[in-house]
Amino acid sequence: MTVASHSNGKKVKYVPINYNKRAGKSSIKPAKDFIGFLSLIAKLAIYYNPLKVFVPLSVFLFALSILVVLGGFLIYNVVLDATGAILFITGVQVLIFGFLADMIVKRFYSQD
């Protein structure tokens, strides 16, 4: 609920509470639960504000494609490397996918 509230621009107030120390042993498995936690955070971020996920990813792919093309030109004297072109096109596709996801989210919330 906290992540959903933050994603929708709502204010969240943290209130300290008193509690008793827990008895027993924890059933948390750090590696497995961490991956599940990251997956949950990514799903929530995409569900509520997809552009915060897809725009940085597409910018990263664009920058990586520029680095690959410049590196290929400076090191191997190749004007357009196929890897750079694929990275650039993937960046465009991720950006368009993000815009589509954002339109779907905005349409879903505008019907309320």
PDB file of N, CA and C in Angstrom:
ATOM      1  N   MET A   1       0.828  -1.191   0.000  1.00  0.00           N
ATOM      2  CA  MET A   1       0.000   0.000   0.000  1.00  0.00           C
ATOM      3  C   MET A   1       0.870   1.252   0.000  1.00  0.00           C
ATOM      4  N   THR A   2       1.994   1.174   0.672  1.00  0.00           N
ATOM      5  CA  THR A   2       2.879   2.337   0.722  1.00  0.00           C
ATOM      6  C   THR A   2       3.407   2.681  -0.661  1.00  0.00           C
ATOM      7  N   VAL A   3       3.862   1.677  -1.399  1.00  0.00           N
ATOM      8  CA  VAL A   3       4.393   1.912  -2.740  1.00  0.00           C
ATOM      9  C   VAL A   3       3.295   2.441  -3.658  1.00  0.00           C
ATOM     10  N   ALA A   4       2.101   1.883  -3.563  1.00  0.00           N
ATOM     11  CA  ALA A   4       0.984   2.350  -4.396  1.00  0.00           C
ATOM     12  C   ALA A   4       0.645   3.791  -4.072  1.00  0.00           C
ATOM     13  N   SER A   5       0.647   4.155  -2.809  1.00  0.00           N
ATOM     14  CA  SER A   5       0.343   5.532  -2.422  1.00  0.00           C
ATOM     15  C   SER A   5       1.412   6.484  -2.925  1.00  0.00           C
ATOM     16  N   HIS A   6       2.679   6.109  -2.777  1.00  0.00           N
ATOM     17  CA  HIS A   6       3.761   6.953  -3.282  1.00  0.00           C
ATOM     18  C   HIS A   6       3.674   7.111  -4.800  1.00  0.00           C
ATOM     19  N   SER A   7       3.350   6.028  -5.493  1.00  0.00           N
ATOM     20  CA  SER A   7       3.271   6.073  -6.955  1.00  0.00           C
ATOM     21  C   SER A   7       2.148   6.972  -7.433  1.00  0.00           C
ATOM     22  N   ASN A   8       1.092   7.081  -6.657  1.00  0.00           N
ATOM     23  CA  ASN A   8      -0.034   7.943  -7.035  1.00  0.00           C
ATOM     24  C   ASN A   8       0.109   9.359  -6.510  1.00  0.00           C
ATOM     25  N   GLY A   9       1.270   9.686  -5.939  1.00  0.00           N
ATOM     26  CA  GLY A   9       1.527  11.037  -5.478  1.00  0.00           C
ATOM     27  C   GLY A   9       0.851  11.377  -4.165  1.00  0.00           C
ATOM     28  N   LYS A  10       0.432  10.382  -3.429  1.00  0.00           N
ATOM     29  CA  LYS A  10      -0.216  10.609  -2.135  1.00  0.00           C
ATOM     30  C   LYS A  10       0.851  10.738  -1.058  1.00  0.00           C
ATOM     31  N   LYS A  11       0.499  11.452   0.010  1.00  0.00           N
ATOM     32  CA  LYS A  11       1.417  11.581   1.142  1.00  0.00           C
ATOM     33  C   LYS A  11       1.240  10.380   2.060  1.00  0.00           C
ATOM     34  N   VAL A  12       2.343   9.913   2.584  1.00  0.00           N
ATOM     35  CA  VAL A  12       2.331   8.782   3.501  1.00  0.00           C
ATOM     36  C   VAL A  12       2.954   9.251   4.805  1.00  0.00           C
ATOM     37  N   LYS A  13       2.241   9.040   5.878  1.00  0.00           N
ATOM     38  CA  LYS A  13       2.749   9.428   7.184  1.00  0.00           C
ATOM     39  C   LYS A  13       3.179   8.174   7.926  1.00  0.00           C
ATOM     40  N   TYR A  14       4.394   8.187   8.426  1.00  0.00           N
ATOM     41  CA  TYR A  14       4.920   7.065   9.168  1.00  0.00           C
ATOM     42  C   TYR A  14       4.671   7.301  10.656  1.00  0.00           C
ATOM     43  N   VAL A  15       3.971   6.395  11.262  1.00  0.00           N
ATOM     44  CA  VAL A  15       3.635   6.510  12.677  1.00  0.00           C
ATOM     45  C   VAL A  15       4.331   5.380  13.425  1.00  0.00           C
ATOM     46  N   PRO A  16       5.201   5.718  14.384  1.00  0.00           N
ATOM     47  CA  PRO A  16       5.862   4.651  15.145  1.00  0.00           C
ATOM     48  C   PRO A  16       4.856   3.955  16.058  1.00  0.00           C
ATOM     49  N   ILE A  17       5.030   2.662  16.199  1.00  0.00           N
ATOM     50  CA  ILE A  17       4.147   1.886  17.072  1.00  0.00           C
ATOM     51  C   ILE A  17       4.987   1.074  18.044  1.00  0.00           C
ATOM     52  N   ASN A  18       4.418   0.751  19.167  1.00  0.00           N
ATOM     53  CA  ASN A  18       5.077  -0.120  20.130  1.00  0.00           C
ATOM     54  C   ASN A  18       4.686  -1.566  19.821  1.00  0.00           C
ATOM     55  N   TYR A  19       5.629  -2.448  19.913  1.00  0.00           N
ATOM     56  CA  TYR A  19       5.342  -3.856  19.657  1.00  0.00           C
ATOM     57  C   TYR A  19       6.269  -4.725  20.490  1.00  0.00           C
ATOM     58  N   ASN A  20       5.831  -5.932  20.706  1.00  0.00           N
ATOM     59  CA  ASN A  20       6.635  -6.896  21.447  1.00  0.00           C
ATOM     60  C   ASN A  20       7.593  -7.598  20.503  1.00  0.00           C
ATOM     61  N   LYS A  21       8.725  -7.987  21.053  1.00  0.00           N
ATOM     62  CA  LYS A  21       9.705  -8.716  20.248  1.00  0.00           C
ATOM     63  C   LYS A  21       9.103 -10.038  19.792  1.00  0.00           C
ATOM     64  N   ARG A  22       9.373 -10.374  18.532  1.00  0.00           N
ATOM     65  CA  ARG A  22       8.827 -11.579  17.949  1.00  0.00           C
ATOM     66  C   ARG A  22       9.511 -12.814  18.485  1.00  0.00           C
ATOM     67  N   ALA A  23       8.729 -13.829  18.757  1.00  0.00           N
ATOM     68  CA  ALA A  23       9.290 -15.098  19.229  1.00  0.00           C
ATOM     69  C   ALA A  23       9.369 -16.068  18.050  1.00  0.00           C
ATOM     70  N   GLY A  24      10.372 -16.899  18.037  1.00  0.00           N
ATOM     71  CA  GLY A  24      10.491 -17.882  16.970  1.00  0.00           C
ATOM     72  C   GLY A  24      11.601 -17.537  16.006  1.00  0.00           C
ATOM     73  N   LYS A  25      11.677 -18.319  14.936  1.00  0.00           N
ATOM     74  CA  LYS A  25      12.723 -18.155  13.945  1.00  0.00           C
ATOM     75  C   LYS A  25      12.127 -17.620  12.652  1.00  0.00           C
ATOM     76  N   SER A  26      12.860 -16.772  11.977  1.00  0.00           N
ATOM     77  CA  SER A  26      12.392 -16.181  10.727  1.00  0.00           C
ATOM     78  C   SER A  26      12.400 -17.211   9.602  1.00  0.00           C
ATOM     79  N   SER A  27      11.408 -17.136   8.751  1.00  0.00           N
ATOM     80  CA  SER A  27      11.342 -18.044   7.605  1.00  0.00           C
ATOM     81  C   SER A  27      11.804 -17.359   6.320  1.00  0.00           C
ATOM     82  N   ILE A  28      12.421 -16.191   6.443  1.00  0.00           N
ATOM     83  CA  ILE A  28      12.877 -15.437   5.276  1.00  0.00           C
ATOM     84  C   ILE A  28      14.167 -16.047   4.741  1.00  0.00           C
ATOM     85  N   LYS A  29      14.177 -16.241   3.408  1.00  0.00           N
ATOM     86  CA  LYS A  29      15.375 -16.692   2.713  1.00  0.00           C
ATOM     87  C   LYS A  29      15.878 -15.497   1.917  1.00  0.00           C
ATOM     88  N   PRO A  30      17.014 -14.914   2.311  1.00  0.00           N
ATOM     89  CA  PRO A  30      17.440 -13.633   1.749  1.00  0.00           C
ATOM     90  C   PRO A  30      17.479 -13.578   0.220  1.00  0.00           C
ATOM     91  N   ALA A  31      18.101 -14.516  -0.444  1.00  0.00           N
ATOM     92  CA  ALA A  31      18.238 -14.439  -1.901  1.00  0.00           C
ATOM     93  C   ALA A  31      16.882 -14.576  -2.594  1.00  0.00           C
ATOM     94  N   LYS A  32      16.137 -15.583  -2.237  1.00  0.00           N
ATOM     95  CA  LYS A  32      14.850 -15.847  -2.878  1.00  0.00           C
ATOM     96  C   LYS A  32      13.847 -14.719  -2.593  1.00  0.00           C
ATOM     97  N   ASP A  33      13.773 -14.288  -1.353  1.00  0.00           N
ATOM     98  CA  ASP A  33      12.821 -13.245  -0.992  1.00  0.00           C
ATOM     99  C   ASP A  33      13.214 -11.891  -1.564  1.00  0.00           C
ATOM    100  N   PHE A  34      14.517 -11.621  -1.703  1.00  0.00           N
ATOM    101  CA  PHE A  34      14.961 -10.365  -2.292  1.00  0.00           C
ATOM    102  C   PHE A  34      14.546 -10.274  -3.751  1.00  0.00           C
ATOM    103  N   ILE A  35      14.698 -11.362  -4.483  1.00  0.00           N
ATOM    104  CA  ILE A  35      14.287 -11.381  -5.892  1.00  0.00           C
ATOM    105  C   ILE A  35      12.775 -11.208  -6.004  1.00  0.00           C
ATOM    106  N   GLY A  36      12.029 -11.865  -5.139  1.00  0.00           N
ATOM    107  CA  GLY A  36      10.578 -11.690  -5.129  1.00  0.00           C
ATOM    108  C   GLY A  36      10.176 -10.270  -4.786  1.00  0.00           C
ATOM    109  N   PHE A  37      10.893  -9.652  -3.843  1.00  0.00           N
ATOM    110  CA  PHE A  37      10.621  -8.270  -3.460  1.00  0.00           C
ATOM    111  C   PHE A  37      10.884  -7.319  -4.625  1.00  0.00           C
ATOM    112  N   LEU A  38      12.017  -7.496  -5.315  1.00  0.00           N
ATOM    113  CA  LEU A  38      12.310  -6.650  -6.469  1.00  0.00           C
ATOM    114  C   LEU A  38      11.270  -6.832  -7.568  1.00  0.00           C
ATOM    115  N   SER A  39      10.830  -8.048  -7.772  1.00  0.00           N
ATOM    116  CA  SER A  39       9.796  -8.316  -8.762  1.00  0.00           C
ATOM    117  C   SER A  39       8.496  -7.603  -8.401  1.00  0.00           C
ATOM    118  N   LEU A  40       8.131  -7.641  -7.135  1.00  0.00           N
ATOM    119  CA  LEU A  40       6.922  -6.961  -6.681  1.00  0.00           C
ATOM    120  C   LEU A  40       7.026  -5.453  -6.863  1.00  0.00           C
ATOM    121  N   ILE A  41       8.155  -4.869  -6.516  1.00  0.00           N
ATOM    122  CA  ILE A  41       8.349  -3.428  -6.669  1.00  0.00           C
ATOM    123  C   ILE A  41       8.282  -3.047  -8.148  1.00  0.00           C
ATOM    124  N   ALA A  42       8.903  -3.831  -9.021  1.00  0.00           N
ATOM    125  CA  ALA A  42       8.855  -3.544 -10.461  1.00  0.00           C
ATOM    126  C   ALA A  42       7.426  -3.627 -10.988  1.00  0.00           C
ATOM    127  N   LYS A  43       6.682  -4.637 -10.564  1.00  0.00           N
ATOM    128  CA  LYS A  43       5.291  -4.771 -11.008  1.00  0.00           C
ATOM    129  C   LYS A  43       4.446  -3.594 -10.552  1.00  0.00           C
ATOM    130  N   LEU A  44       4.629  -3.186  -9.304  1.00  0.00           N
ATOM    131  CA  LEU A  44       3.862  -2.042  -8.799  1.00  0.00           C
ATOM    132  C   LEU A  44       4.231  -0.755  -9.521  1.00  0.00           C
ATOM    133  N   ALA A  45       5.514  -0.560  -9.773  1.00  0.00           N
ATOM    134  CA  ALA A  45       5.945   0.646 -10.481  1.00  0.00           C
ATOM    135  C   ALA A  45       5.386   0.675 -11.898  1.00  0.00           C
ATOM    136  N   ILE A  46       5.397  -0.456 -12.571  1.00  0.00           N
ATOM    137  CA  ILE A  46       4.852  -0.519 -13.931  1.00  0.00           C
ATOM    138  C   ILE A  46       3.342  -0.346 -13.908  1.00  0.00           C
ATOM    139  N   TYR A  47       2.690  -0.865 -12.890  1.00  0.00           N
ATOM    140  CA  TYR A  47       1.237  -0.777 -12.811  1.00  0.00           C
ATOM    141  C   TYR A  47       0.760   0.647 -12.566  1.00  0.00           C
ATOM    142  N   TYR A  48       1.464   1.390 -11.724  1.00  0.00           N
ATOM    143  CA  TYR A  48       1.003   2.725 -11.366  1.00  0.00           C
ATOM    144  C   TYR A  48       1.658   3.843 -12.170  1.00  0.00           C
ATOM    145  N   ASN A  49       2.926   3.721 -12.528  1.00  0.00           N
ATOM    146  CA  ASN A  49       3.604   4.756 -13.293  1.00  0.00           C
ATOM    147  C   ASN A  49       4.651   4.114 -14.195  1.00  0.00           C
ATOM    148  N   PRO A  50       4.215   3.584 -15.337  1.00  0.00           N
ATOM    149  CA  PRO A  50       5.129   2.821 -16.191  1.00  0.00           C
ATOM    150  C   PRO A  50       6.268   3.644 -16.792  1.00  0.00           C
ATOM    151  N   LEU A  51       6.061   4.946 -16.975  1.00  0.00           N
ATOM    152  CA  LEU A  51       7.127   5.742 -17.578  1.00  0.00           C
ATOM    153  C   LEU A  51       8.354   5.838 -16.681  1.00  0.00           C
ATOM    154  N   LYS A  52       8.173   5.720 -15.369  1.00  0.00           N
ATOM    155  CA  LYS A  52       9.319   5.756 -14.457  1.00  0.00           C
ATOM    156  C   LYS A  52      10.204   4.528 -14.628  1.00  0.00           C
ATOM    157  N   VAL A  53       9.695   3.499 -15.241  1.00  0.00           N
ATOM    158  CA  VAL A  53      10.479   2.289 -15.483  1.00  0.00           C
ATOM    159  C   VAL A  53      11.004   2.268 -16.915  1.00  0.00           C
ATOM    160  N   PHE A  54      10.134   2.560 -17.886  1.00  0.00           N
ATOM    161  CA  PHE A  54      10.497   2.374 -19.287  1.00  0.00           C
ATOM    162  C   PHE A  54      11.367   3.497 -19.847  1.00  0.00           C
ATOM    163  N   VAL A  55      11.175   4.738 -19.398  1.00  0.00           N
ATOM    164  CA  VAL A  55      11.991   5.833 -19.930  1.00  0.00           C
ATOM    165  C   VAL A  55      13.460   5.679 -19.525  1.00  0.00           C
ATOM    166  N   PRO A  56      13.777   5.434 -18.241  1.00  0.00           N
ATOM    167  CA  PRO A  56      15.201   5.232 -17.923  1.00  0.00           C
ATOM    168  C   PRO A  56      15.815   4.034 -18.646  1.00  0.00           C
ATOM    169  N   LEU A  57      15.038   2.966 -18.805  1.00  0.00           N
ATOM    170  CA  LEU A  57      15.552   1.807 -19.522  1.00  0.00           C
ATOM    171  C   LEU A  57      15.837   2.148 -20.988  1.00  0.00           C
ATOM    172  N   SER A  58      14.941   2.894 -21.623  1.00  0.00           N
ATOM    173  CA  SER A  58      15.173   3.264 -23.020  1.00  0.00           C
ATOM    174  C   SER A  58      16.326   4.252 -23.146  1.00  0.00           C
ATOM    175  N   VAL A  59      16.473   5.182 -22.206  1.00  0.00           N
ATOM    176  CA  VAL A  59      17.615   6.108 -22.232  1.00  0.00           C
ATOM    177  C   VAL A  59      18.923   5.335 -22.082  1.00  0.00           C
ATOM    178  N   PHE A  60      18.925   4.345 -21.183  1.00  0.00           N
ATOM    179  CA  PHE A  60      20.108   3.499 -21.031  1.00  0.00           C
ATOM    180  C   PHE A  60      20.441   2.781 -22.339  1.00  0.00           C
ATOM    181  N   LEU A  61      19.432   2.241 -23.019  1.00  0.00           N
ATOM    182  CA  LEU A  61      19.677   1.542 -24.284  1.00  0.00           C
ATOM    183  C   LEU A  61      20.163   2.499 -25.367  1.00  0.00           C
ATOM    184  N   PHE A  62      19.590   3.726 -25.408  1.00  0.00           N
ATOM    185  CA  PHE A  62      20.054   4.722 -26.373  1.00  0.00           C
ATOM    186  C   PHE A  62      21.518   5.071 -26.120  1.00  0.00           C
ATOM    187  N   ALA A  63      21.859   5.324 -24.853  1.00  0.00           N
ATOM    188  CA  ALA A  63      23.239   5.673 -24.512  1.00  0.00           C
ATOM    189  C   ALA A  63      24.186   4.522 -24.831  1.00  0.00           C
ATOM    190  N   LEU A  64      23.765   3.311 -24.523  1.00  0.00           N
ATOM    191  CA  LEU A  64      24.592   2.147 -24.821  1.00  0.00           C
ATOM    192  C   LEU A  64      24.802   1.985 -26.324  1.00  0.00           C
ATOM    193  N   SER A  65      23.760   2.252 -27.112  1.00  0.00           N
ATOM    194  CA  SER A  65      23.905   2.146 -28.571  1.00  0.00           C
ATOM    195  C   SER A  65      24.876   3.194 -29.101  1.00  0.00           C
ATOM    196  N   ILE A  66      24.819   4.402 -28.539  1.00  0.00           N
ATOM    197  CA  ILE A  66      25.756   5.449 -28.966  1.00  0.00           C
ATOM    198  C   ILE A  66      27.190   5.059 -28.606  1.00  0.00           C
ATOM    199  N   LEU A  67      27.369   4.521 -27.400  1.00  0.00           N
ATOM    200  CA  LEU A  67      28.709   4.088 -26.993  1.00  0.00           C
ATOM    201  C   LEU A  67      29.234   2.962 -27.883  1.00  0.00           C
ATOM    202  N   VAL A  68      28.359   2.032 -28.235  1.00  0.00           N
ATOM    203  CA  VAL A  68      28.782   0.917 -29.094  1.00  0.00           C
ATOM    204  C   VAL A  68      29.160   1.427 -30.482  1.00  0.00           C
ATOM    205  N   VAL A  69      28.350   2.329 -31.031  1.00  0.00           N
ATOM    206  CA  VAL A  69      28.636   2.857 -32.371  1.00  0.00           C
ATOM    207  C   VAL A  69      29.921   3.688 -32.351  1.00  0.00           C
ATOM    208  N   LEU A  70      30.062   4.572 -31.336  1.00  0.00           N
ATOM    209  CA  LEU A  70      31.280   5.376 -31.255  1.00  0.00           C
ATOM    210  C   LEU A  70      32.506   4.506 -30.998  1.00  0.00           C
ATOM    211  N   GLY A  71      32.348   3.507 -30.139  1.00  0.00           N
ATOM    212  CA  GLY A  71      33.457   2.595 -29.881  1.00  0.00           C
ATOM    213  C   GLY A  71      33.856   1.827 -31.127  1.00  0.00           C
ATOM    214  N   GLY A  72      32.862   1.366 -31.880  1.00  0.00           N
ATOM    215  CA  GLY A  72      33.157   0.668 -33.125  1.00  0.00           C
ATOM    216  C   GLY A  72      33.834   1.563 -34.141  1.00  0.00           C
ATOM    217  N   PHE A  73      33.415   2.825 -34.187  1.00  0.00           N
ATOM    218  CA  PHE A  73      34.013   3.771 -35.140  1.00  0.00           C
ATOM    219  C   PHE A  73      35.444   4.108 -34.728  1.00  0.00           C
ATOM    220  N   LEU A  74      35.643   4.378 -33.437  1.00  0.00           N
ATOM    221  CA  LEU A  74      36.970   4.790 -32.990  1.00  0.00           C
ATOM    222  C   LEU A  74      37.968   3.636 -32.940  1.00  0.00           C
ATOM    223  N   ILE A  75      37.510   2.443 -32.612  1.00  0.00           N
ATOM    224  CA  ILE A  75      38.439   1.315 -32.467  1.00  0.00           C
ATOM    225  C   ILE A  75      38.591   0.531 -33.769  1.00  0.00           C
ATOM    226  N   TYR A  76      37.447   0.218 -34.422  1.00  0.00           N
ATOM    227  CA  TYR A  76      37.495  -0.652 -35.602  1.00  0.00           C
ATOM    228  C   TYR A  76      37.218   0.075 -36.913  1.00  0.00           C
ATOM    229  N   ASN A  77      36.954   1.377 -36.872  1.00  0.00           N
ATOM    230  CA  ASN A  77      36.628   2.185 -38.054  1.00  0.00           C
ATOM    231  C   ASN A  77      35.401   1.662 -38.792  1.00  0.00           C
ATOM    232  N   VAL A  78      34.423   1.173 -38.034  1.00  0.00           N
ATOM    233  CA  VAL A  78      33.155   0.722 -38.593  1.00  0.00           C
ATOM    234  C   VAL A  78      32.140   1.824 -38.344  1.00  0.00           C
ATOM    235  N   VAL A  79      31.464   2.283 -39.414  1.00  0.00           N
ATOM    236  CA  VAL A  79      30.552   3.419 -39.273  1.00  0.00           C
ATOM    237  C   VAL A  79      29.300   3.029 -38.502  1.00  0.00           C
ATOM    238  N   LEU A  80      28.646   1.936 -38.841  1.00  0.00           N
ATOM    239  CA  LEU A  80      27.417   1.538 -38.157  1.00  0.00           C
ATOM    240  C   LEU A  80      27.515   0.060 -37.804  1.00  0.00           C
ATOM    241  N   ASP A  81      27.602  -0.192 -36.524  1.00  0.00           N
ATOM    242  CA  ASP A  81      27.687  -1.559 -36.044  1.00  0.00           C
ATOM    243  C   ASP A  81      26.281  -2.114 -35.873  1.00  0.00           C
ATOM    244  N   ALA A  82      26.058  -3.373 -36.210  1.00  0.00           N
ATOM    245  CA  ALA A  82      24.736  -3.989 -36.090  1.00  0.00           C
ATOM    246  C   ALA A  82      24.277  -4.022 -34.641  1.00  0.00           C
ATOM    247  N   THR A  83      25.199  -4.225 -33.729  1.00  0.00           N
ATOM    248  CA  THR A  83      24.830  -4.246 -32.314  1.00  0.00           C
ATOM    249  C   THR A  83      24.297  -2.894 -31.872  1.00  0.00           C
ATOM    250  N   GLY A  84      24.941  -1.831 -32.314  1.00  0.00           N
ATOM    251  CA  GLY A  84      24.469  -0.482 -31.990  1.00  0.00           C
ATOM    252  C   GLY A  84      23.085  -0.218 -32.552  1.00  0.00           C
ATOM    253  N   ALA A  85      22.842  -0.667 -33.776  1.00  0.00           N
ATOM    254  CA  ALA A  85      21.530  -0.473 -34.395  1.00  0.00           C
ATOM    255  C   ALA A  85      20.461  -1.269 -33.653  1.00  0.00           C
ATOM    256  N   ILE A  86      20.776  -2.475 -33.260  1.00  0.00           N
ATOM    257  CA  ILE A  86      19.811  -3.299 -32.527  1.00  0.00           C
ATOM    258  C   ILE A  86      19.510  -2.678 -31.167  1.00  0.00           C
ATOM    259  N   LEU A  87      20.534  -2.181 -30.481  1.00  0.00           N
ATOM    260  CA  LEU A  87      20.312  -1.517 -29.196  1.00  0.00           C
ATOM    261  C   LEU A  87      19.448  -0.272 -29.349  1.00  0.00           C
ATOM    262  N   PHE A  88      19.701   0.508 -30.407  1.00  0.00           N
ATOM    263  CA  PHE A  88      18.917   1.711 -30.645  1.00  0.00           C
ATOM    264  C   PHE A  88      17.450   1.373 -30.925  1.00  0.00           C
ATOM    265  N   ILE A  89      17.222   0.393 -31.783  1.00  0.00           N
ATOM    266  CA  ILE A  89      15.850  -0.014 -32.111  1.00  0.00           C
ATOM    267  C   ILE A  89      15.149  -0.586 -30.880  1.00  0.00           C
ATOM    268  N   THR A  90      15.873  -1.330 -30.071  1.00  0.00           N
ATOM    269  CA  THR A  90      15.301  -1.855 -28.830  1.00  0.00           C
ATOM    270  C   THR A  90      14.930  -0.710 -27.892  1.00  0.00           C
ATOM    271  N   GLY A  91      15.764   0.311 -27.825  1.00  0.00           N
ATOM    272  CA  GLY A  91      15.445   1.484 -27.021  1.00  0.00           C
ATOM    273  C   GLY A  91      14.175   2.171 -27.493  1.00  0.00           C
ATOM    274  N   VAL A  92      14.008   2.278 -28.795  1.00  0.00           N
ATOM    275  CA  VAL A  92      12.787   2.875 -29.357  1.00  0.00           C
ATOM    276  C   VAL A  92      11.570   2.018 -28.991  1.00  0.00           C
ATOM    277  N   GLN A  93      11.707   0.722 -29.133  1.00  0.00           N
ATOM    278  CA  GLN A  93      10.587  -0.170 -28.811  1.00  0.00           C
ATOM    279  C   GLN A  93      10.223  -0.111 -27.333  1.00  0.00           C
ATOM    280  N   VAL A  94      11.207  -0.061 -26.460  1.00  0.00           N
ATOM    281  CA  VAL A  94      10.935   0.035 -25.021  1.00  0.00           C
ATOM    282  C   VAL A  94      10.233   1.347 -24.713  1.00  0.00           C
ATOM    283  N   LEU A  95      10.675   2.438 -25.341  1.00  0.00           N
ATOM    284  CA  LEU A  95      10.038   3.737 -25.123  1.00  0.00           C
ATOM    285  C   LEU A  95       8.587   3.726 -25.602  1.00  0.00           C
ATOM    286  N   ILE A  96       8.333   3.182 -26.772  1.00  0.00           N
ATOM    287  CA  ILE A  96       6.965   3.105 -27.295  1.00  0.00           C
ATOM    288  C   ILE A  96       6.109   2.208 -26.408  1.00  0.00           C
ATOM    289  N   PHE A  97       6.661   1.098 -25.963  1.00  0.00           N
ATOM    290  CA  PHE A  97       5.939   0.211 -25.050  1.00  0.00           C
ATOM    291  C   PHE A  97       5.584   0.936 -23.757  1.00  0.00           C
ATOM    292  N   GLY A  98       6.504   1.755 -23.266  1.00  0.00           N
ATOM    293  CA  GLY A  98       6.240   2.549 -22.065  1.00  0.00           C
ATOM    294  C   GLY A  98       5.123   3.550 -22.284  1.00  0.00           C
ATOM    295  N   PHE A  99       5.109   4.211 -23.443  1.00  0.00           N
ATOM    296  CA  PHE A  99       4.029   5.154 -23.745  1.00  0.00           C
ATOM    297  C   PHE A  99       2.682   4.440 -23.836  1.00  0.00           C
ATOM    298  N   LEU A 100       2.671   3.273 -24.457  1.00  0.00           N
ATOM    299  CA  LEU A 100       1.429   2.502 -24.534  1.00  0.00           C
ATOM    300  C   LEU A 100       0.946   2.090 -23.144  1.00  0.00           C
ATOM    301  N   ALA A 101       1.866   1.616 -22.314  1.00  0.00           N
ATOM    302  CA  ALA A 101       1.502   1.225 -20.953  1.00  0.00           C
ATOM    303  C   ALA A 101       0.981   2.429 -20.173  1.00  0.00           C
ATOM    304  N   ASP A 102       1.593   3.590 -20.357  1.00  0.00           N
ATOM    305  CA  ASP A 102       1.145   4.797 -19.669  1.00  0.00           C
ATOM    306  C   ASP A 102      -0.252   5.203 -20.128  1.00  0.00           C
ATOM    307  N   MET A 103      -0.522   5.092 -21.414  1.00  0.00           N
ATOM    308  CA  MET A 103      -1.865   5.417 -21.912  1.00  0.00           C
ATOM    309  C   MET A 103      -2.904   4.464 -21.342  1.00  0.00           C
ATOM    310  N   ILE A 104      -2.567   3.191 -21.251  1.00  0.00           N
ATOM    311  CA  ILE A 104      -3.502   2.212 -20.685  1.00  0.00           C
ATOM    312  C   ILE A 104      -3.766   2.520 -19.219  1.00  0.00           C
ATOM    313  N   VAL A 105      -2.716   2.823 -18.458  1.00  0.00           N
ATOM    314  CA  VAL A 105      -2.890   3.149 -17.034  1.00  0.00           C
ATOM    315  C   VAL A 105      -3.742   4.402 -16.880  1.00  0.00           C
ATOM    316  N   LYS A 106      -3.464   5.440 -17.672  1.00  0.00           N
ATOM    317  CA  LYS A 106      -4.231   6.694 -17.564  1.00  0.00           C
ATOM    318  C   LYS A 106      -5.683   6.464 -17.955  1.00  0.00           C
ATOM    319  N   ARG A 107      -5.937   5.654 -18.955  1.00  0.00           N
ATOM    320  CA  ARG A 107      -7.322   5.374 -19.346  1.00  0.00           C
ATOM    321  C   ARG A 107      -8.041   4.583 -18.259  1.00  0.00           C
ATOM    322  N   PHE A 108      -7.337   3.634 -17.645  1.00  0.00           N
ATOM    323  CA  PHE A 108      -7.927   2.829 -16.586  1.00  0.00           C
ATOM    324  C   PHE A 108      -8.321   3.687 -15.403  1.00  0.00           C
ATOM    325  N   TYR A 109      -7.443   4.636 -15.029  1.00  0.00           N
ATOM    326  CA  TYR A 109      -7.737   5.483 -13.870  1.00  0.00           C
ATOM    327  C   TYR A 109      -8.695   6.613 -14.194  1.00  0.00           C
ATOM    328  N   SER A 110      -8.821   6.993 -15.453  1.00  0.00           N
ATOM    329  CA  SER A 110      -9.743   8.083 -15.788  1.00  0.00           C
ATOM    330  C   SER A 110     -11.202   7.635 -15.767  1.00  0.00           C
ATOM    331  N   GLN A 111     -11.460   6.324 -15.774  1.00  0.00           N
ATOM    332  CA  GLN A 111     -12.825   5.822 -15.759  1.00  0.00           C
ATOM    333  C   GLN A 111     -13.412   5.804 -14.354  1.00  0.00           C
ATOM    334  N   ASP A 112     -12.622   6.071 -13.325  1.00  0.00           N
ATOM    335  CA  ASP A 112     -13.107   6.043 -11.943  1.00  0.00           C
ATOM    336  C   ASP A 112     -14.073   7.152 -11.675  1.00  0.00           C
TER     337      ASP A 112
END
